[in-house]
Amino acid sequence: MKSIRNIALAAVAVILASCMGNYDDEPTMQLPPYGNNNINEENIISIGKLKQIFDKQLSTDQRDGVSYAQVLNDIKIRGWVTANDIEGNIYNEIGLSDDTGAILVCISQGGLFGYLPVGTEIIIDLNELYVGAYGLQPEIGTPYTNKNGLTYVSRMSRTLWASHFKIVGAKPAHEITPMTFDKQKVTDAAYLKENCGKLMTIKDVEFSDAKDGLTFAPEEEKDAANCVARPLKGINASNLVVRTSTYADFAAKQLPKGKVNITGLFTRYGSTWQILLRSSKDVEQAEAQQE
């Protein structure tokens, strides 16, 4: 019995050793463990071109008509991730940009920052996905009909998403450079249409509510979407606000006083710019930026 037991233990040891391997071995995996590595790099168009193709849908508010269409041919886009859900303010979507424009990609999945950090370069196979708008903000996803009977592009399932994207590169987050927002064009319709969805920075502004010691997004001020919109001094709130989710990690943080520079996804809802911060670090004292 003892000899049989020793033989069994020896066999287990061999199996474990073969499974564990050598800890000093170099990783052998060459392909990213996420997405669809079979997607080829053919038929890639720019984000700007994609928005031109679907301009009719992107220019139609879902309250007034059909604001989406399905892609029914083999076209792809390639771009850099500019924003994700790392601190809970941007929910179930990422920002994607190339040299010609920007668009949001809606995905029903949390923890996107884990495998799509800022700076990740991806290709999206658009065939059978939908391109459209929510509040005139260009988005990629699938149709969703709300309780009021309005249909618009919203979050695709995580399994559908996994089959439609491929990671092809990456660079440090600090190399994703935001565009400077032109405050003189806050009411310019063409500027809004061209740049909504981009990572941008608005400089030397102040939060109107900072003097009262308010926080970014207290529960008692939330709207139907669990968000709070904060205006900036000297800018009409119907033209631009900083919009924060009550679920954001920094929701309970006090609004900073004095002049600040604010970076974020500059999205739109109708004719209003809505700045979505990626993290609390996206708000910096303006003086510190100038040193």
Protein backbone atom coordinates (compact mmCIF):
# COMPACT_ATOMS: atom_id res chain seq x y z
CA MET A 1 0.00 0.00 0.00
CA LYS A 2 2.81 2.35 0.93
CA SER A 3 4.56 1.83 -2.41
CA ILE A 4 1.32 2.45 -4.32
CA ARG A 5 0.82 5.66 -2.36
CA ASN A 6 4.35 6.83 -3.16
CA ILE A 7 3.85 6.11 -6.84
CA ALA A 8 0.59 8.12 -6.85
CA LEU A 9 2.25 11.08 -5.13
CA ALA A 10 5.10 11.01 -7.61
CA ALA A 11 2.65 11.03 -10.52
CA VAL A 12 0.81 14.04 -9.08
CA ALA A 13 4.12 15.88 -8.66
CA VAL A 14 5.00 15.28 -12.31
CA ILE A 15 1.61 16.54 -13.48
CA LEU A 16 1.83 19.69 -11.34
CA ALA A 17 5.33 20.40 -12.54
CA SER A 18 4.29 20.08 -16.16
CA CYS A 19 1.31 22.42 -15.62
CA MET A 20 3.23 25.08 -13.71
CA GLY A 21 6.28 25.11 -15.91
CA ASN A 22 9.24 27.41 -15.23
CA TYR A 23 8.36 30.75 -13.65
CA ASP A 24 11.33 32.30 -15.39
CA ASP A 25 10.05 31.40 -18.85
CA GLU A 26 9.23 34.29 -21.16
CA PRO A 27 5.52 34.62 -22.06
CA THR A 28 4.80 32.90 -25.35
CA MET A 29 1.41 34.52 -26.10
CA GLN A 30 1.71 36.79 -29.13
CA LEU A 31 -1.89 37.89 -29.63
CA PRO A 32 -4.03 40.04 -27.29
CA PRO A 33 -6.39 37.87 -25.19
CA TYR A 34 -9.32 40.18 -25.92
CA GLY A 35 -11.40 40.78 -29.02
CA ASN A 36 -11.30 39.08 -32.40
CA ASN A 37 -7.78 38.59 -33.71
CA ASN A 38 -9.12 37.29 -37.03
CA ILE A 39 -10.26 40.76 -38.10
CA ASN A 40 -8.15 41.87 -41.05
CA GLU A 41 -6.95 45.38 -41.81
CA GLU A 42 -8.76 45.77 -45.12
CA ASN A 43 -11.50 48.28 -46.04
CA ILE A 44 -10.60 50.69 -43.25
CA ILE A 45 -12.13 54.15 -43.52
CA SER A 46 -11.63 57.17 -41.31
CA ILE A 47 -14.04 58.15 -38.55
CA GLY A 48 -14.65 61.37 -40.44
CA LYS A 49 -15.63 59.40 -43.55
CA LEU A 50 -17.92 57.14 -41.49
CA LYS A 51 -19.74 60.18 -40.15
CA GLN A 52 -20.10 61.54 -43.67
CA ILE A 53 -21.66 58.28 -44.86
CA PHE A 54 -24.20 58.30 -42.04
CA ASP A 55 -24.68 62.05 -41.89
CA LYS A 56 -28.45 61.79 -42.38
CA GLN A 57 -28.86 59.58 -39.33
CA LEU A 58 -26.36 61.54 -37.22
CA SER A 59 -28.18 64.78 -38.02
CA THR A 60 -31.57 63.46 -36.90
CA ASP A 61 -32.62 63.61 -33.27
CA GLN A 62 -34.26 60.35 -32.17
CA ARG A 63 -37.23 62.40 -30.95
CA ASP A 64 -37.91 63.53 -34.51
CA GLY A 65 -37.08 60.52 -36.66
CA VAL A 66 -34.88 57.50 -37.29
CA SER A 67 -31.44 58.40 -35.99
CA TYR A 68 -29.59 55.20 -36.82
CA ALA A 69 -28.80 52.74 -39.61
CA GLN A 70 -27.18 49.33 -39.80
CA VAL A 71 -23.85 48.86 -41.55
CA LEU A 72 -24.40 46.22 -44.22
CA ASN A 73 -21.01 46.04 -45.89
CA ASP A 74 -17.42 45.31 -44.98
CA ILE A 75 -16.06 48.56 -43.59
CA LYS A 76 -13.89 49.15 -40.55
CA ILE A 77 -12.51 52.07 -38.58
CA ARG A 78 -9.26 52.38 -36.69
CA GLY A 79 -8.59 54.71 -33.81
CA TRP A 80 -7.22 55.40 -30.34
CA VAL A 81 -9.16 54.98 -27.11
CA THR A 82 -9.37 58.42 -25.52
CA ALA A 83 -11.72 57.71 -22.60
CA ASN A 84 -13.16 54.79 -20.65
CA ASP A 85 -14.94 53.94 -17.40
CA ILE A 86 -11.93 53.99 -15.08
CA GLU A 87 -13.61 56.15 -12.39
CA GLY A 88 -17.24 55.37 -13.12
CA ASN A 89 -18.25 58.65 -14.74
CA ILE A 90 -18.27 57.34 -18.30
CA TYR A 91 -20.64 54.38 -18.31
CA ASN A 92 -20.68 51.45 -20.76
CA GLU A 93 -18.85 53.32 -23.51
CA ILE A 94 -15.46 54.41 -24.75
CA GLY A 95 -14.31 57.42 -26.71
CA LEU A 96 -12.52 56.68 -29.98
CA SER A 97 -10.63 59.15 -32.16
CA ASP A 98 -8.43 59.32 -35.22
CA ASP A 99 -6.98 62.29 -37.08
CA THR A 100 -10.33 63.03 -38.75
CA GLY A 101 -12.86 62.89 -35.92
CA ALA A 102 -14.28 61.09 -32.90
CA ILE A 103 -17.17 58.82 -32.01
CA LEU A 104 -18.49 56.96 -28.96
CA VAL A 105 -18.66 53.16 -28.88
CA CYS A 106 -21.44 51.81 -26.64
CA ILE A 107 -20.76 48.47 -24.91
CA SER A 108 -22.85 46.74 -22.24
CA GLN A 109 -19.90 45.85 -20.06
CA GLY A 110 -18.21 47.24 -16.98
CA GLY A 111 -14.48 47.38 -16.38
CA LEU A 112 -13.66 48.42 -19.93
CA PHE A 113 -10.60 50.29 -18.67
CA GLY A 114 -9.06 46.94 -17.74
CA TYR A 115 -8.43 45.89 -21.33
CA LEU A 116 -9.03 49.17 -23.18
CA PRO A 117 -6.90 51.73 -21.34
CA VAL A 118 -6.46 55.18 -22.83
CA GLY A 119 -3.94 54.90 -25.65
CA THR A 120 -5.11 51.51 -26.94
CA GLU A 121 -5.34 51.36 -30.73
CA ILE A 122 -8.18 49.22 -32.06
CA ILE A 123 -9.88 48.26 -35.30
CA ILE A 124 -13.67 47.92 -35.26
CA ASP A 125 -15.41 45.73 -37.83
CA LEU A 126 -18.63 47.67 -38.40
CA ASN A 127 -20.45 45.11 -40.53
CA GLU A 128 -23.89 44.46 -38.96
CA LEU A 129 -23.34 47.02 -36.18
CA TYR A 130 -25.33 50.28 -36.09
CA VAL A 131 -24.21 53.87 -36.47
CA GLY A 132 -26.47 56.60 -35.19
CA ALA A 133 -27.04 59.30 -32.64
CA TYR A 134 -28.41 59.90 -29.18
CA GLY A 135 -29.20 63.56 -28.72
CA LEU A 136 -27.26 64.08 -31.97
CA GLN A 137 -24.11 62.57 -30.44
CA PRO A 138 -22.59 60.07 -32.92
CA GLU A 139 -22.38 56.54 -31.51
CA ILE A 140 -21.73 52.95 -32.56
CA GLY A 141 -23.78 50.15 -31.02
CA THR A 142 -27.17 48.51 -31.43
CA PRO A 143 -30.73 49.92 -31.31
CA TYR A 144 -32.52 50.38 -28.00
CA THR A 145 -36.12 51.49 -27.46
CA ASN A 146 -36.86 53.28 -24.20
CA LYS A 147 -40.10 53.37 -22.19
CA ASN A 148 -41.31 56.35 -24.23
CA GLY A 149 -41.02 54.42 -27.48
CA LEU A 150 -37.96 56.31 -28.74
CA THR A 151 -35.33 54.18 -30.47
CA TYR A 152 -31.69 55.14 -30.78
CA VAL A 153 -28.22 53.61 -30.84
CA SER A 154 -27.16 52.29 -27.45
CA ARG A 155 -25.06 49.54 -25.86
CA MET A 156 -24.21 46.37 -27.79
CA SER A 157 -23.75 43.13 -25.85
CA ARG A 158 -20.30 42.26 -24.62
CA THR A 159 -20.25 39.10 -26.76
CA LEU A 160 -21.16 41.04 -29.90
CA TRP A 161 -18.48 43.60 -29.10
CA ALA A 162 -15.87 40.89 -28.53
CA SER A 163 -16.39 39.64 -32.08
CA HIS A 164 -16.13 43.11 -33.65
CA PHE A 165 -12.91 44.64 -32.34
CA LYS A 166 -9.22 43.90 -32.52
CA ILE A 167 -6.40 45.44 -30.50
CA VAL A 168 -3.58 46.44 -32.85
CA GLY A 169 -1.40 48.76 -30.80
CA ALA A 170 -0.93 50.97 -27.78
CA LYS A 171 0.88 54.06 -26.63
CA PRO A 172 1.19 55.83 -23.25
CA ALA A 173 -1.93 57.68 -22.13
CA HIS A 174 -0.04 60.97 -21.92
CA GLU A 175 0.55 60.80 -25.67
CA ILE A 176 -3.21 61.05 -26.28
CA THR A 177 -3.26 64.82 -26.54
CA PRO A 178 -6.55 66.67 -26.01
CA MET A 179 -7.60 69.42 -28.38
CA THR A 180 -8.03 72.89 -26.85
CA PHE A 181 -11.69 73.89 -26.81
CA ASP A 182 -12.41 77.28 -28.40
CA LYS A 183 -14.69 79.11 -25.95
CA GLN A 184 -15.55 81.63 -28.65
CA LYS A 185 -17.29 78.85 -30.58
CA VAL A 186 -19.41 77.46 -27.76
CA THR A 187 -22.59 78.26 -29.72
CA ASP A 188 -21.16 77.49 -33.17
CA ALA A 189 -23.31 74.66 -34.62
CA ALA A 190 -20.66 73.59 -37.16
CA TYR A 191 -17.97 73.47 -34.46
CA LEU A 192 -20.26 71.39 -32.26
CA LYS A 193 -21.03 68.91 -35.04
CA GLU A 194 -17.40 68.56 -36.09
CA ASN A 195 -15.86 68.12 -32.65
CA CYS A 196 -18.43 66.42 -30.41
CA GLY A 197 -17.04 63.21 -28.96
CA LYS A 198 -13.45 64.45 -28.91
CA LEU A 199 -11.11 64.60 -25.95
CA MET A 200 -10.73 68.32 -25.34
CA THR A 201 -9.57 70.82 -22.72
CA ILE A 202 -11.35 74.03 -21.83
CA LYS A 203 -8.93 76.42 -20.15
CA ASP A 204 -9.20 79.15 -17.50
CA VAL A 205 -12.79 78.57 -16.40
CA GLU A 206 -14.53 78.48 -13.02
CA PHE A 207 -17.33 76.37 -11.61
CA SER A 208 -20.27 78.62 -10.82
CA ASP A 209 -21.26 76.47 -7.83
CA ALA A 210 -17.79 76.18 -6.28
CA LYS A 211 -18.38 79.23 -4.07
CA ASP A 212 -21.16 77.36 -2.28
CA GLY A 213 -18.94 74.38 -1.42
CA LEU A 214 -21.00 72.00 -3.51
CA THR A 215 -19.77 68.63 -4.74
CA PHE A 216 -19.68 67.31 -8.29
CA ALA A 217 -22.77 65.09 -8.09
CA PRO A 218 -24.76 64.83 -4.85
CA GLU A 219 -27.65 62.37 -4.77
CA GLU A 220 -30.21 65.05 -3.92
CA GLU A 221 -29.50 66.94 -7.16
CA LYS A 222 -29.45 64.05 -9.62
CA ASP A 223 -31.65 63.97 -12.70
CA ALA A 224 -33.50 60.99 -14.20
CA ALA A 225 -30.19 59.65 -15.55
CA ASN A 226 -28.49 59.86 -12.12
CA CYS A 227 -26.31 62.76 -13.21
CA VAL A 228 -25.71 66.35 -12.14
CA ALA A 229 -24.85 69.16 -14.56
CA ARG A 230 -22.57 71.92 -13.27
CA PRO A 231 -22.36 75.27 -15.11
CA LEU A 232 -19.24 77.35 -15.63
CA LYS A 233 -19.02 81.06 -14.94
CA GLY A 234 -19.72 83.23 -17.94
CA ILE A 235 -21.04 80.34 -20.06
CA ASN A 236 -24.76 79.73 -20.43
CA ALA A 237 -25.70 76.32 -19.03
CA SER A 238 -27.85 75.70 -22.11
CA ASN A 239 -24.63 75.81 -24.15
CA LEU A 240 -22.12 73.92 -21.97
CA VAL A 241 -22.03 72.03 -18.66
CA VAL A 242 -19.80 69.58 -16.82
CA ARG A 243 -21.94 66.47 -16.39
CA THR A 244 -21.10 63.99 -13.63
CA SER A 245 -22.69 60.69 -12.62
CA THR A 246 -23.63 60.15 -8.99
CA TYR A 247 -21.83 56.80 -9.40
CA ALA A 248 -18.50 58.45 -10.29
CA ASP A 249 -15.70 57.83 -7.81
CA PHE A 250 -15.34 61.59 -7.38
CA ALA A 251 -19.07 62.43 -7.17
CA ALA A 252 -18.74 63.49 -3.51
CA LYS A 253 -15.63 65.58 -4.09
CA GLN A 254 -16.00 69.34 -3.69
CA LEU A 255 -15.90 71.46 -6.81
CA PRO A 256 -12.51 73.21 -7.05
CA LYS A 257 -12.46 76.97 -6.57
CA GLY A 258 -10.70 79.43 -8.81
CA LYS A 259 -9.55 79.10 -12.39
CA VAL A 260 -9.19 75.57 -13.66
CA ASN A 261 -8.47 73.69 -16.86
CA ILE A 262 -10.99 70.91 -17.54
CA THR A 263 -10.27 67.93 -19.79
CA GLY A 264 -12.84 65.35 -20.79
CA LEU A 265 -15.00 63.91 -23.52
CA PHE A 266 -16.84 66.85 -25.05
CA THR A 267 -20.10 65.17 -26.00
CA ARG A 268 -23.37 66.76 -27.02
CA TYR A 269 -27.03 66.52 -26.18
CA GLY A 270 -28.89 68.54 -28.76
CA SER A 271 -27.15 71.92 -28.89
CA THR A 272 -25.53 71.60 -25.45
CA TRP A 273 -21.93 70.60 -24.88
CA GLN A 274 -21.66 68.07 -22.04
CA ILE A 275 -18.17 67.54 -20.65
CA LEU A 276 -17.65 64.03 -19.23
CA LEU A 277 -14.62 63.82 -16.98
CA ARG A 278 -12.66 60.57 -17.13
CA SER A 279 -11.29 61.05 -13.62
CA SER A 280 -10.89 63.72 -10.96
CA LYS A 281 -7.40 64.36 -12.37
CA ASP A 282 -9.03 65.85 -15.46
CA VAL A 283 -9.61 69.06 -13.48
CA GLU A 284 -6.44 70.99 -12.73
CA GLN A 285 -5.79 74.42 -11.30
CA ALA A 286 -5.00 76.71 -14.23
CA GLU A 287 -1.98 78.23 -12.48
CA ALA A 288 -0.39 74.80 -12.07
CA GLN A 289 -0.75 74.19 -15.80
CA GLN A 290 1.14 77.37 -16.62
CA GLU A 291 4.22 76.66 -14.46
